[in-house]
Amino acid sequence: MLAWILSIHILVFALLWFSPLSGWRLLVLAMVVLCGLSICLRRWRRPGFTGLCCRDGLWSLSSSQGPTPVELISYQRLFGMLLLVFRNGWRRHSLALLPDSASADELRRLRQLLLLGRASSSGQ
């Protein structure tokens, strides 16, 4: 996977180098590619989360290394996708749940849990 990430970004740099662009446009596009490479390498090093659990108001994300306790910071619903943002100490984790990532009933219960949690915290 690392070889794939590096080869794609090197190919894009080569295309930029031989492109007719010059000056600040070339510099801006090169910076975008470097930022993309940086994000890809950081995500490649970090293991992904495979599950989400909430028991008694305590959230945890599970991975191959076991469950990680987290705190739900915010959530957004975007065109059927649910974006959850968690915090574990100083580190933030984002989890995007697509409509087909779980059964419709599980996603409905998760949305209800989020709405009830948001309603109870705003009432304090």
PDB file of N, CA and C in Angstrom:
ATOM      1  N   MET A   1       0.821  -1.193   0.000  1.00  0.00           N
ATOM      2  CA  MET A   1       0.000   0.000   0.000  1.00  0.00           C
ATOM      3  C   MET A   1       0.868   1.260   0.000  1.00  0.00           C
ATOM      4  N   LEU A   2       1.941   1.229   0.781  1.00  0.00           N
ATOM      5  CA  LEU A   2       2.829   2.389   0.821  1.00  0.00           C
ATOM      6  C   LEU A   2       3.439   2.656  -0.548  1.00  0.00           C
ATOM      7  N   ALA A   3       3.821   1.590  -1.262  1.00  0.00           N
ATOM      8  CA  ALA A   3       4.401   1.765  -2.594  1.00  0.00           C
ATOM      9  C   ALA A   3       3.379   2.396  -3.540  1.00  0.00           C
ATOM     10  N   TRP A   4       2.117   2.015  -3.405  1.00  0.00           N
ATOM     11  CA  TRP A   4       1.057   2.581  -4.234  1.00  0.00           C
ATOM     12  C   TRP A   4       0.888   4.073  -3.951  1.00  0.00           C
ATOM     13  N   ILE A   5       0.861   4.438  -2.677  1.00  0.00           N
ATOM     14  CA  ILE A   5       0.702   5.842  -2.297  1.00  0.00           C
ATOM     15  C   ILE A   5       1.857   6.680  -2.855  1.00  0.00           C
ATOM     16  N   LEU A   6       3.069   6.201  -2.651  1.00  0.00           N
ATOM     17  CA  LEU A   6       4.235   6.949  -3.131  1.00  0.00           C
ATOM     18  C   LEU A   6       4.272   7.039  -4.652  1.00  0.00           C
ATOM     19  N   SER A   7       3.960   5.934  -5.339  1.00  0.00           N
ATOM     20  CA  SER A   7       4.047   5.951  -6.808  1.00  0.00           C
ATOM     21  C   SER A   7       3.017   6.903  -7.412  1.00  0.00           C
ATOM     22  N   ILE A   8       1.816   6.946  -6.873  1.00  0.00           N
ATOM     23  CA  ILE A   8       0.800   7.866  -7.401  1.00  0.00           C
ATOM     24  C   ILE A   8       1.246   9.321  -7.223  1.00  0.00           C
ATOM     25  N   HIS A   9       1.757   9.657  -6.046  1.00  0.00           N
ATOM     26  CA  HIS A   9       2.168  11.045  -5.807  1.00  0.00           C
ATOM     27  C   HIS A   9       3.403  11.418  -6.627  1.00  0.00           C
ATOM     28  N   ILE A  10       4.313  10.494  -6.827  1.00  0.00           N
ATOM     29  CA  ILE A  10       5.485  10.764  -7.674  1.00  0.00           C
ATOM     30  C   ILE A  10       5.043  10.964  -9.124  1.00  0.00           C
ATOM     31  N   LEU A  11       4.080  10.161  -9.574  1.00  0.00           N
ATOM     32  CA  LEU A  11       3.550  10.325 -10.930  1.00  0.00           C
ATOM     33  C   LEU A  11       2.907  11.702 -11.107  1.00  0.00           C
ATOM     34  N   VAL A  12       2.150  12.142 -10.122  1.00  0.00           N
ATOM     35  CA  VAL A  12       1.520  13.462 -10.209  1.00  0.00           C
ATOM     36  C   VAL A  12       2.579  14.562 -10.225  1.00  0.00           C
ATOM     37  N   PHE A  13       3.630  14.418  -9.406  1.00  0.00           N
ATOM     38  CA  PHE A  13       4.721  15.397  -9.441  1.00  0.00           C
ATOM     39  C   PHE A  13       5.386  15.429 -10.810  1.00  0.00           C
ATOM     40  N   ALA A  14       5.587  14.261 -11.422  1.00  0.00           N
ATOM     41  CA  ALA A  14       6.201  14.227 -12.753  1.00  0.00           C
ATOM     42  C   ALA A  14       5.306  14.915 -13.782  1.00  0.00           C
ATOM     43  N   LEU A  15       3.997  14.675 -13.683  1.00  0.00           N
ATOM     44  CA  LEU A  15       3.077  15.343 -14.605  1.00  0.00           C
ATOM     45  C   LEU A  15       3.087  16.850 -14.393  1.00  0.00           C
ATOM     46  N   LEU A  16       3.184  17.276 -13.154  1.00  0.00           N
ATOM     47  CA  LEU A  16       3.263  18.717 -12.885  1.00  0.00           C
ATOM     48  C   LEU A  16       4.558  19.307 -13.442  1.00  0.00           C
ATOM     49  N   TRP A  17       5.654  18.591 -13.290  1.00  0.00           N
ATOM     50  CA  TRP A  17       6.956  19.082 -13.730  1.00  0.00           C
ATOM     51  C   TRP A  17       6.970  19.334 -15.236  1.00  0.00           C
ATOM     52  N   PHE A  18       6.322  18.420 -16.000  1.00  0.00           N
ATOM     53  CA  PHE A  18       6.309  18.551 -17.455  1.00  0.00           C
ATOM     54  C   PHE A  18       5.071  19.270 -17.978  1.00  0.00           C
ATOM     55  N   SER A  19       4.274  19.806 -17.106  1.00  0.00           N
ATOM     56  CA  SER A  19       3.068  20.528 -17.536  1.00  0.00           C
ATOM     57  C   SER A  19       3.448  21.933 -18.009  1.00  0.00           C
ATOM     58  N   PRO A  20       2.561  22.560 -18.773  1.00  0.00           N
ATOM     59  CA  PRO A  20       2.853  23.921 -19.251  1.00  0.00           C
ATOM     60  C   PRO A  20       2.671  24.992 -18.172  1.00  0.00           C
ATOM     61  N   LEU A  21       2.247  24.583 -16.977  1.00  0.00           N
ATOM     62  CA  LEU A  21       2.070  25.561 -15.908  1.00  0.00           C
ATOM     63  C   LEU A  21       3.415  26.086 -15.432  1.00  0.00           C
ATOM     64  N   SER A  22       3.398  27.310 -14.949  1.00  0.00           N
ATOM     65  CA  SER A  22       4.631  27.866 -14.413  1.00  0.00           C
ATOM     66  C   SER A  22       4.301  28.813 -13.267  1.00  0.00           C
ATOM     67  N   GLY A  23       5.313  29.161 -12.524  1.00  0.00           N
ATOM     68  CA  GLY A  23       5.163  30.152 -11.469  1.00  0.00           C
ATOM     69  C   GLY A  23       4.315  29.685 -10.305  1.00  0.00           C
ATOM     70  N   TRP A  24       3.454  30.578  -9.854  1.00  0.00           N
ATOM     71  CA  TRP A  24       2.699  30.332  -8.634  1.00  0.00           C
ATOM     72  C   TRP A  24       1.666  29.210  -8.798  1.00  0.00           C
ATOM     73  N   ARG A  25       1.147  29.022 -10.035  1.00  0.00           N
ATOM     74  CA  ARG A  25       0.174  27.936 -10.245  1.00  0.00           C
ATOM     75  C   ARG A  25       0.814  26.574 -10.019  1.00  0.00           C
ATOM     76  N   LEU A  26       2.014  26.411 -10.528  1.00  0.00           N
ATOM     77  CA  LEU A  26       2.744  25.161 -10.332  1.00  0.00           C
ATOM     78  C   LEU A  26       3.065  24.952  -8.858  1.00  0.00           C
ATOM     79  N   LEU A  27       3.434  26.008  -8.178  1.00  0.00           N
ATOM     80  CA  LEU A  27       3.750  25.933  -6.755  1.00  0.00           C
ATOM     81  C   LEU A  27       2.523  25.557  -5.925  1.00  0.00           C
ATOM     82  N   VAL A  28       1.381  26.151  -6.242  1.00  0.00           N
ATOM     83  CA  VAL A  28       0.147  25.841  -5.511  1.00  0.00           C
ATOM     84  C   VAL A  28      -0.245  24.387  -5.716  1.00  0.00           C
ATOM     85  N   LEU A  29      -0.200  23.900  -6.935  1.00  0.00           N
ATOM     86  CA  LEU A  29      -0.553  22.501  -7.192  1.00  0.00           C
ATOM     87  C   LEU A  29       0.436  21.538  -6.530  1.00  0.00           C
ATOM     88  N   ALA A  30       1.716  21.895  -6.531  1.00  0.00           N
ATOM     89  CA  ALA A  30       2.708  21.050  -5.855  1.00  0.00           C
ATOM     90  C   ALA A  30       2.451  21.002  -4.350  1.00  0.00           C
ATOM     91  N   MET A  31       2.044  22.113  -3.769  1.00  0.00           N
ATOM     92  CA  MET A  31       1.726  22.131  -2.332  1.00  0.00           C
ATOM     93  C   MET A  31       0.499  21.268  -2.030  1.00  0.00           C
ATOM     94  N   VAL A  32      -0.487  21.296  -2.926  1.00  0.00           N
ATOM     95  CA  VAL A  32      -1.681  20.462  -2.744  1.00  0.00           C
ATOM     96  C   VAL A  32      -1.291  18.988  -2.777  1.00  0.00           C
ATOM     97  N   VAL A  33      -0.427  18.614  -3.710  1.00  0.00           N
ATOM     98  CA  VAL A  33       0.015  17.216  -3.802  1.00  0.00           C
ATOM     99  C   VAL A  33       0.814  16.831  -2.557  1.00  0.00           C
ATOM    100  N   LEU A  34       1.667  17.726  -2.071  1.00  0.00           N
ATOM    101  CA  LEU A  34       2.427  17.433  -0.850  1.00  0.00           C
ATOM    102  C   LEU A  34       1.514  17.274   0.364  1.00  0.00           C
ATOM    103  N   CYS A  35       0.495  18.111   0.464  1.00  0.00           N
ATOM    104  CA  CYS A  35      -0.469  17.972   1.568  1.00  0.00           C
ATOM    105  C   CYS A  35      -1.204  16.642   1.467  1.00  0.00           C
ATOM    106  N   GLY A  36      -1.606  16.262   0.269  1.00  0.00           N
ATOM    107  CA  GLY A  36      -2.269  14.975   0.069  1.00  0.00           C
ATOM    108  C   GLY A  36      -1.375  13.814   0.439  1.00  0.00           C
ATOM    109  N   LEU A  37      -0.093  13.897   0.081  1.00  0.00           N
ATOM    110  CA  LEU A  37       0.858  12.848   0.450  1.00  0.00           C
ATOM    111  C   LEU A  37       1.010  12.768   1.953  1.00  0.00           C
ATOM    112  N   SER A  38       1.091  13.905   2.605  1.00  0.00           N
ATOM    113  CA  SER A  38       1.219  13.928   4.063  1.00  0.00           C
ATOM    114  C   SER A  38       0.018  13.280   4.740  1.00  0.00           C
ATOM    115  N   ILE A  39      -1.182  13.617   4.277  1.00  0.00           N
ATOM    116  CA  ILE A  39      -2.399  13.034   4.858  1.00  0.00           C
ATOM    117  C   ILE A  39      -2.443  11.533   4.617  1.00  0.00           C
ATOM    118  N   CYS A  40      -2.099  11.094   3.417  1.00  0.00           N
ATOM    119  CA  CYS A  40      -2.104   9.660   3.111  1.00  0.00           C
ATOM    120  C   CYS A  40      -1.115   8.895   3.986  1.00  0.00           C
ATOM    121  N   LEU A  41       0.076   9.443   4.172  1.00  0.00           N
ATOM    122  CA  LEU A  41       1.082   8.756   4.989  1.00  0.00           C
ATOM    123  C   LEU A  41       0.665   8.692   6.451  1.00  0.00           C
ATOM    124  N   ARG A  42       0.049   9.750   6.965  1.00  0.00           N
ATOM    125  CA  ARG A  42      -0.417   9.722   8.357  1.00  0.00           C
ATOM    126  C   ARG A  42      -1.524   8.695   8.537  1.00  0.00           C
ATOM    127  N   ARG A  43      -2.446   8.624   7.592  1.00  0.00           N
ATOM    128  CA  ARG A  43      -3.538   7.654   7.693  1.00  0.00           C
ATOM    129  C   ARG A  43      -3.036   6.229   7.484  1.00  0.00           C
ATOM    130  N   TRP A  44      -2.008   6.053   6.676  1.00  0.00           N
ATOM    131  CA  TRP A  44      -1.462   4.721   6.437  1.00  0.00           C
ATOM    132  C   TRP A  44      -0.806   4.178   7.699  1.00  0.00           C
ATOM    133  N   ARG A  45      -0.126   5.031   8.446  1.00  0.00           N
ATOM    134  CA  ARG A  45       0.556   4.598   9.670  1.00  0.00           C
ATOM    135  C   ARG A  45      -0.429   4.229  10.764  1.00  0.00           C
ATOM    136  N   ARG A  46      -1.533   4.917  10.840  1.00  0.00           N
ATOM    137  CA  ARG A  46      -2.496   4.744  11.916  1.00  0.00           C
ATOM    138  C   ARG A  46      -3.504   3.653  11.553  1.00  0.00           C
ATOM    139  N   PRO A  47      -3.756   2.698  12.442  1.00  0.00           N
ATOM    140  CA  PRO A  47      -4.740   1.657  12.120  1.00  0.00           C
ATOM    141  C   PRO A  47      -6.152   2.236  12.088  1.00  0.00           C
ATOM    142  N   GLY A  48      -6.975   1.704  11.224  1.00  0.00           N
ATOM    143  CA  GLY A  48      -8.349   2.177  11.109  1.00  0.00           C
ATOM    144  C   GLY A  48      -9.251   1.532  12.155  1.00  0.00           C
ATOM    145  N   PHE A  49     -10.354   2.174  12.418  1.00  0.00           N
ATOM    146  CA  PHE A  49     -11.312   1.644  13.377  1.00  0.00           C
ATOM    147  C   PHE A  49     -12.329   0.785  12.643  1.00  0.00           C
ATOM    148  N   THR A  50     -12.724  -0.295  13.282  1.00  0.00           N
ATOM    149  CA  THR A  50     -13.631  -1.241  12.648  1.00  0.00           C
ATOM    150  C   THR A  50     -15.000  -1.279  13.304  1.00  0.00           C
ATOM    151  N   GLY A  51     -15.153  -0.668  14.452  1.00  0.00           N
ATOM    152  CA  GLY A  51     -16.436  -0.725  15.130  1.00  0.00           C
ATOM    153  C   GLY A  51     -16.662   0.455  16.042  1.00  0.00           C
ATOM    154  N   LEU A  52     -17.915   0.652  16.388  1.00  0.00           N
ATOM    155  CA  LEU A  52     -18.329   1.755  17.248  1.00  0.00           C
ATOM    156  C   LEU A  52     -19.257   1.191  18.301  1.00  0.00           C
ATOM    157  N   CYS A  53     -19.062   1.594  19.551  1.00  0.00           N
ATOM    158  CA  CYS A  53     -19.898   1.082  20.634  1.00  0.00           C
ATOM    159  C   CYS A  53     -20.216   2.218  21.605  1.00  0.00           C
ATOM    160  N   CYS A  54     -21.454   2.227  22.083  1.00  0.00           N
ATOM    161  CA  CYS A  54     -21.859   3.185  23.108  1.00  0.00           C
ATOM    162  C   CYS A  54     -22.648   2.422  24.170  1.00  0.00           C
ATOM    163  N   ARG A  55     -22.099   2.380  25.373  1.00  0.00           N
ATOM    164  CA  ARG A  55     -22.785   1.726  26.486  1.00  0.00           C
ATOM    165  C   ARG A  55     -22.830   2.680  27.662  1.00  0.00           C
ATOM    166  N   ASP A  56     -24.026   2.927  28.131  1.00  0.00           N
ATOM    167  CA  ASP A  56     -24.242   3.822  29.273  1.00  0.00           C
ATOM    168  C   ASP A  56     -23.633   5.202  29.035  1.00  0.00           C
ATOM    169  N   GLY A  57     -23.690   5.673  27.788  1.00  0.00           N
ATOM    170  CA  GLY A  57     -23.175   6.994  27.469  1.00  0.00           C
ATOM    171  C   GLY A  57     -21.671   7.059  27.266  1.00  0.00           C
ATOM    172  N   LEU A  58     -20.971   5.916  27.360  1.00  0.00           N
ATOM    173  CA  LEU A  58     -19.524   5.876  27.147  1.00  0.00           C
ATOM    174  C   LEU A  58     -19.240   5.298  25.768  1.00  0.00           C
ATOM    175  N   TRP A  59     -18.557   6.084  24.949  1.00  0.00           N
ATOM    176  CA  TRP A  59     -18.257   5.695  23.579  1.00  0.00           C
ATOM    177  C   TRP A  59     -16.917   4.996  23.502  1.00  0.00           C
ATOM    178  N   SER A  60     -16.792   4.039  22.579  1.00  0.00           N
ATOM    179  CA  SER A  60     -15.492   3.417  22.315  1.00  0.00           C
ATOM    180  C   SER A  60     -15.427   3.026  20.841  1.00  0.00           C
ATOM    181  N   LEU A  61     -14.248   3.157  20.286  1.00  0.00           N
ATOM    182  CA  LEU A  61     -13.968   2.746  18.914  1.00  0.00           C
ATOM    183  C   LEU A  61     -13.100   1.505  18.989  1.00  0.00           C
ATOM    184  N   SER A  62     -13.442   0.477  18.229  1.00  0.00           N
ATOM    185  CA  SER A  62     -12.647  -0.742  18.276  1.00  0.00           C
ATOM    186  C   SER A  62     -11.808  -0.880  17.013  1.00  0.00           C
ATOM    187  N   SER A  63     -10.614  -1.401  17.211  1.00  0.00           N
ATOM    188  CA  SER A  63      -9.685  -1.655  16.113  1.00  0.00           C
ATOM    189  C   SER A  63      -9.017  -3.000  16.372  1.00  0.00           C
ATOM    190  N   SER A  64      -8.029  -3.324  15.561  1.00  0.00           N
ATOM    191  CA  SER A  64      -7.315  -4.585  15.750  1.00  0.00           C
ATOM    192  C   SER A  64      -6.526  -4.593  17.063  1.00  0.00           C
ATOM    193  N   GLN A  65      -6.290  -3.424  17.636  1.00  0.00           N
ATOM    194  CA  GLN A  65      -5.545  -3.318  18.898  1.00  0.00           C
ATOM    195  C   GLN A  65      -6.462  -3.302  20.111  1.00  0.00           C
ATOM    196  N   GLY A  66      -7.774  -3.459  19.895  1.00  0.00           N
ATOM    197  CA  GLY A  66      -8.725  -3.460  20.992  1.00  0.00           C
ATOM    198  C   GLY A  66      -9.529  -2.178  21.043  1.00  0.00           C
ATOM    199  N   PRO A  67     -10.449  -2.070  22.006  1.00  0.00           N
ATOM    200  CA  PRO A  67     -11.285  -0.872  22.091  1.00  0.00           C
ATOM    201  C   PRO A  67     -10.520   0.335  22.625  1.00  0.00           C
ATOM    202  N   THR A  68     -10.870   1.508  22.105  1.00  0.00           N
ATOM    203  CA  THR A  68     -10.278   2.770  22.538  1.00  0.00           C
ATOM    204  C   THR A  68     -11.398   3.652  23.076  1.00  0.00           C
ATOM    205  N   PRO A  69     -11.378   4.006  24.364  1.00  0.00           N
ATOM    206  CA  PRO A  69     -12.429   4.889  24.887  1.00  0.00           C
ATOM    207  C   PRO A  69     -12.266   6.299  24.314  1.00  0.00           C
ATOM    208  N   VAL A  70     -13.380   6.870  23.874  1.00  0.00           N
ATOM    209  CA  VAL A  70     -13.369   8.197  23.267  1.00  0.00           C
ATOM    210  C   VAL A  70     -14.543   9.004  23.788  1.00  0.00           C
ATOM    211  N   GLU A  71     -14.485  10.302  23.520  1.00  0.00           N
ATOM    212  CA  GLU A  71     -15.569  11.219  23.882  1.00  0.00           C
ATOM    213  C   GLU A  71     -16.131  11.810  22.600  1.00  0.00           C
ATOM    214  N   LEU A  72     -17.434  11.749  22.443  1.00  0.00           N
ATOM    215  CA  LEU A  72     -18.082  12.310  21.260  1.00  0.00           C
ATOM    216  C   LEU A  72     -18.071  13.828  21.359  1.00  0.00           C
ATOM    217  N   ILE A  73     -17.460  14.484  20.365  1.00  0.00           N
ATOM    218  CA  ILE A  73     -17.394  15.943  20.346  1.00  0.00           C
ATOM    219  C   ILE A  73     -18.576  16.510  19.569  1.00  0.00           C
ATOM    220  N   SER A  74     -18.771  16.005  18.356  1.00  0.00           N
ATOM    221  CA  SER A  74     -19.850  16.530  17.518  1.00  0.00           C
ATOM    222  C   SER A  74     -20.245  15.492  16.484  1.00  0.00           C
ATOM    223  N   TYR A  75     -21.345  15.757  15.844  1.00  0.00           N
ATOM    224  CA  TYR A  75     -21.785  14.928  14.727  1.00  0.00           C
ATOM    225  C   TYR A  75     -22.539  15.796  13.736  1.00  0.00           C
ATOM    226  N   GLN A  76     -22.528  15.365  12.488  1.00  0.00           N
ATOM    227  CA  GLN A  76     -23.244  16.052  11.412  1.00  0.00           C
ATOM    228  C   GLN A  76     -23.906  15.009  10.538  1.00  0.00           C
ATOM    229  N   ARG A  77     -25.075  15.318  10.051  1.00  0.00           N
ATOM    230  CA  ARG A  77     -25.747  14.451   9.093  1.00  0.00           C
ATOM    231  C   ARG A  77     -25.709  15.151   7.744  1.00  0.00           C
ATOM    232  N   LEU A  78     -25.045  14.517   6.776  1.00  0.00           N
ATOM    233  CA  LEU A  78     -24.853  15.108   5.456  1.00  0.00           C
ATOM    234  C   LEU A  78     -25.377  14.158   4.384  1.00  0.00           C
ATOM    235  N   PHE A  79     -26.532  14.462   3.819  1.00  0.00           N
ATOM    236  CA  PHE A  79     -27.093  13.680   2.719  1.00  0.00           C
ATOM    237  C   PHE A  79     -27.153  12.186   3.032  1.00  0.00           C
ATOM    238  N   GLY A  80     -27.588  11.820   4.194  1.00  0.00           N
ATOM    239  CA  GLY A  80     -27.696  10.418   4.571  1.00  0.00           C
ATOM    240  C   GLY A  80     -26.448   9.874   5.229  1.00  0.00           C
ATOM    241  N   MET A  81     -25.311  10.529   5.051  1.00  0.00           N
ATOM    242  CA  MET A  81     -24.080  10.097   5.698  1.00  0.00           C
ATOM    243  C   MET A  81     -24.032  10.726   7.089  1.00  0.00           C
ATOM    244  N   LEU A  82     -23.517   9.990   8.041  1.00  0.00           N
ATOM    245  CA  LEU A  82     -23.394  10.478   9.402  1.00  0.00           C
ATOM    246  C   LEU A  82     -21.911  10.628   9.713  1.00  0.00           C
ATOM    247  N   LEU A  83     -21.468  11.825  10.050  1.00  0.00           N
ATOM    248  CA  LEU A  83     -20.070  12.101  10.359  1.00  0.00           C
ATOM    249  C   LEU A  83     -19.951  12.340  11.859  1.00  0.00           C
ATOM    250  N   LEU A  84     -19.194  11.477  12.537  1.00  0.00           N
ATOM    251  CA  LEU A  84     -18.997  11.571  13.980  1.00  0.00           C
ATOM    252  C   LEU A  84     -17.561  11.988  14.257  1.00  0.00           C
ATOM    253  N   VAL A  85     -17.380  12.923  15.184  1.00  0.00           N
ATOM    254  CA  VAL A  85     -16.046  13.382  15.561  1.00  0.00           C
ATOM    255  C   VAL A  85     -15.842  13.059  17.040  1.00  0.00           C
ATOM    256  N   PHE A  86     -14.776  12.330  17.326  1.00  0.00           N
ATOM    257  CA  PHE A  86     -14.466  11.893  18.681  1.00  0.00           C
ATOM    258  C   PHE A  86     -13.133  12.477  19.131  1.00  0.00           C
ATOM    259  N   ARG A  87     -12.927  12.482  20.447  1.00  0.00           N
ATOM    260  CA  ARG A  87     -11.645  12.923  21.019  1.00  0.00           C
ATOM    261  C   ARG A  87     -11.173  11.864  21.992  1.00  0.00           C
ATOM    262  N   ASN A  88      -9.888  11.551  21.895  1.00  0.00           N
ATOM    263  CA  ASN A  88      -9.233  10.636  22.814  1.00  0.00           C
ATOM    264  C   ASN A  88      -8.001  11.368  23.342  1.00  0.00           C
ATOM    265  N   GLY A  89      -8.139  12.044  24.482  1.00  0.00           N
ATOM    266  CA  GLY A  89      -7.048  12.886  24.980  1.00  0.00           C
ATOM    267  C   GLY A  89      -6.908  14.087  24.070  1.00  0.00           C
ATOM    268  N   TRP A  90      -5.749  14.262  23.470  1.00  0.00           N
ATOM    269  CA  TRP A  90      -5.513  15.383  22.565  1.00  0.00           C
ATOM    270  C   TRP A  90      -5.739  14.993  21.108  1.00  0.00           C
ATOM    271  N   ARG A  91      -5.986  13.720  20.838  1.00  0.00           N
ATOM    272  CA  ARG A  91      -6.129  13.228  19.476  1.00  0.00           C
ATOM    273  C   ARG A  91      -7.601  13.187  19.057  1.00  0.00           C
ATOM    274  N   ARG A  92      -7.875  13.585  17.831  1.00  0.00           N
ATOM    275  CA  ARG A  92      -9.242  13.563  17.306  1.00  0.00           C
ATOM    276  C   ARG A  92      -9.373  12.460  16.267  1.00  0.00           C
ATOM    277  N   HIS A  93     -10.549  11.853  16.248  1.00  0.00           N
ATOM    278  CA  HIS A  93     -10.849  10.802  15.282  1.00  0.00           C
ATOM    279  C   HIS A  93     -12.178  11.129  14.617  1.00  0.00           C
ATOM    280  N   SER A  94     -12.234  10.967  13.306  1.00  0.00           N
ATOM    281  CA  SER A  94     -13.475  11.169  12.565  1.00  0.00           C
ATOM    282  C   SER A  94     -13.934   9.827  12.015  1.00  0.00           C
ATOM    283  N   LEU A  95     -15.225   9.617  12.051  1.00  0.00           N
ATOM    284  CA  LEU A  95     -15.793   8.369  11.551  1.00  0.00           C
ATOM    285  C   LEU A  95     -16.986   8.723  10.676  1.00  0.00           C
ATOM    286  N   ALA A  96     -16.935   8.311   9.416  1.00  0.00           N
ATOM    287  CA  ALA A  96     -18.029   8.558   8.482  1.00  0.00           C
ATOM    288  C   ALA A  96     -18.822   7.271   8.320  1.00  0.00           C
ATOM    289  N   LEU A  97     -20.100   7.345   8.612  1.00  0.00           N
ATOM    290  CA  LEU A  97     -20.981   6.189   8.454  1.00  0.00           C
ATOM    291  C   LEU A  97     -21.882   6.427   7.251  1.00  0.00           C
ATOM    292  N   LEU A  98     -21.696   5.622   6.219  1.00  0.00           N
ATOM    293  CA  LEU A  98     -22.508   5.716   5.013  1.00  0.00           C
ATOM    294  C   LEU A  98     -23.816   4.974   5.229  1.00  0.00           C
ATOM    295  N   PRO A  99     -24.834   5.260   4.417  1.00  0.00           N
ATOM    296  CA  PRO A  99     -26.126   4.612   4.624  1.00  0.00           C
ATOM    297  C   PRO A  99     -26.074   3.084   4.555  1.00  0.00           C
ATOM    298  N   ASP A 100     -25.123   2.525   3.812  1.00  0.00           N
ATOM    299  CA  ASP A 100     -25.048   1.071   3.711  1.00  0.00           C
ATOM    300  C   ASP A 100     -24.013   0.456   4.658  1.00  0.00           C
ATOM    301  N   SER A 101     -23.490   1.223   5.599  1.00  0.00           N
ATOM    302  CA  SER A 101     -22.474   0.697   6.518  1.00  0.00           C
ATOM    303  C   SER A 101     -23.079  -0.106   7.661  1.00  0.00           C
ATOM    304  N   ALA A 102     -24.358   0.021   7.872  1.00  0.00           N
ATOM    305  CA  ALA A 102     -25.064  -0.739   8.904  1.00  0.00           C
ATOM    306  C   ALA A 102     -26.515  -0.876   8.458  1.00  0.00           C
ATOM    307  N   SER A 103     -27.256  -1.683   9.189  1.00  0.00           N
ATOM    308  CA  SER A 103     -28.667  -1.834   8.830  1.00  0.00           C
ATOM    309  C   SER A 103     -29.404  -0.522   9.106  1.00  0.00           C
ATOM    310  N   ALA A 104     -30.506  -0.358   8.433  1.00  0.00           N
ATOM    311  CA  ALA A 104     -31.292   0.880   8.585  1.00  0.00           C
ATOM    312  C   ALA A 104     -31.753   1.053  10.027  1.00  0.00           C
ATOM    313  N   ASP A 105     -32.100  -0.053  10.682  1.00  0.00           N
ATOM    314  CA  ASP A 105     -32.559   0.022  12.069  1.00  0.00           C
ATOM    315  C   ASP A 105     -31.433   0.452  13.009  1.00  0.00           C
ATOM    316  N   GLU A 106     -30.216  -0.062  12.792  1.00  0.00           N
ATOM    317  CA  GLU A 106     -29.079   0.338  13.634  1.00  0.00           C
ATOM    318  C   GLU A 106     -28.752   1.816  13.463  1.00  0.00           C
ATOM    319  N   LEU A 107     -28.770   2.296  12.229  1.00  0.00           N
ATOM    320  CA  LEU A 107     -28.487   3.713  11.988  1.00  0.00           C
ATOM    321  C   LEU A 107     -29.571   4.606  12.583  1.00  0.00           C
ATOM    322  N   ARG A 108     -30.835   4.156  12.508  1.00  0.00           N
ATOM    323  CA  ARG A 108     -31.927   4.925  13.106  1.00  0.00           C
ATOM    324  C   ARG A 108     -31.753   5.019  14.617  1.00  0.00           C
ATOM    325  N   ARG A 109     -31.380   3.896  15.249  1.00  0.00           N
ATOM    326  CA  ARG A 109     -31.159   3.916  16.700  1.00  0.00           C
ATOM    327  C   ARG A 109     -29.970   4.797  17.069  1.00  0.00           C
ATOM    328  N   LEU A 110     -28.938   4.798  16.230  1.00  0.00           N
ATOM    329  CA  LEU A 110     -27.786   5.668  16.494  1.00  0.00           C
ATOM    330  C   LEU A 110     -28.187   7.136  16.393  1.00  0.00           C
ATOM    331  N   ARG A 111     -28.962   7.491  15.376  1.00  0.00           N
ATOM    332  CA  ARG A 111     -29.416   8.887  15.243  1.00  0.00           C
ATOM    333  C   ARG A 111     -30.283   9.300  16.431  1.00  0.00           C
ATOM    334  N   GLN A 112     -31.150   8.380  16.891  1.00  0.00           N
ATOM    335  CA  GLN A 112     -31.966   8.682  18.068  1.00  0.00           C
ATOM    336  C   GLN A 112     -31.101   8.877  19.299  1.00  0.00           C
ATOM    337  N   LEU A 113     -30.094   8.029  19.462  1.00  0.00           N
ATOM    338  CA  LEU A 113     -29.184   8.159  20.601  1.00  0.00           C
ATOM    339  C   LEU A 113     -28.459   9.500  20.561  1.00  0.00           C
ATOM    340  N   LEU A 114     -28.030   9.909  19.375  1.00  0.00           N
ATOM    341  CA  LEU A 114     -27.340  11.193  19.241  1.00  0.00           C
ATOM    342  C   LEU A 114     -28.275  12.354  19.541  1.00  0.00           C
ATOM    343  N   LEU A 115     -29.498  12.281  19.044  1.00  0.00           N
ATOM    344  CA  LEU A 115     -30.461  13.363  19.308  1.00  0.00           C
ATOM    345  C   LEU A 115     -30.822  13.437  20.793  1.00  0.00           C
ATOM    346  N   LEU A 116     -31.032  12.302  21.437  1.00  0.00           N
ATOM    347  CA  LEU A 116     -31.353  12.300  22.865  1.00  0.00           C
ATOM    348  C   LEU A 116     -30.175  12.778  23.698  1.00  0.00           C
ATOM    349  N   GLY A 117     -28.986  12.378  23.317  1.00  0.00           N
ATOM    350  CA  GLY A 117     -27.787  12.838  24.020  1.00  0.00           C
ATOM    351  C   GLY A 117     -27.582  14.331  23.867  1.00  0.00           C
ATOM    352  N   ARG A 118     -27.847  14.848  22.662  1.00  0.00           N
ATOM    353  CA  ARG A 118     -27.707  16.277  22.387  1.00  0.00           C
ATOM    354  C   ARG A 118     -28.778  17.048  23.161  1.00  0.00           C
ATOM    355  N   ALA A 119     -30.009  16.477  23.220  1.00  0.00           N
ATOM    356  CA  ALA A 119     -31.095  17.169  23.915  1.00  0.00           C
ATOM    357  C   ALA A 119     -30.838  17.229  25.415  1.00  0.00           C
ATOM    358  N   SER A 120     -30.304  16.113  25.972  1.00  0.00           N
ATOM    359  CA  SER A 120     -30.078  16.110  27.422  1.00  0.00           C
ATOM    360  C   SER A 120     -28.900  16.993  27.805  1.00  0.00           C
ATOM    361  N   SER A 121     -27.883  17.090  26.926  1.00  0.00           N
ATOM    362  CA  SER A 121     -26.742  17.953  27.281  1.00  0.00           C
ATOM    363  C   SER A 121     -27.074  19.418  27.088  1.00  0.00           C
ATOM    364  N   SER A 122     -28.008  19.740  26.164  1.00  0.00           N
ATOM    365  CA  SER A 122     -28.335  21.155  25.967  1.00  0.00           C
ATOM    366  C   SER A 122     -29.293  21.645  27.062  1.00  0.00           C
ATOM    367  N   GLY A 123     -29.958  20.724  27.751  1.00  0.00           N
ATOM    368  CA  GLY A 123     -30.874  21.129  28.795  1.00  0.00           C
ATOM    369  C   GLY A 123     -30.186  21.486  30.102  1.00  0.00           C
ATOM    370  N   GLN A 124     -28.894  21.197  30.222  1.00  0.00           N
ATOM    371  CA  GLN A 124     -28.181  21.479  31.471  1.00  0.00           C
ATOM    372  C   GLN A 124     -27.652  22.877  31.493  1.00  0.00           C
TER     373      GLN A 124
END
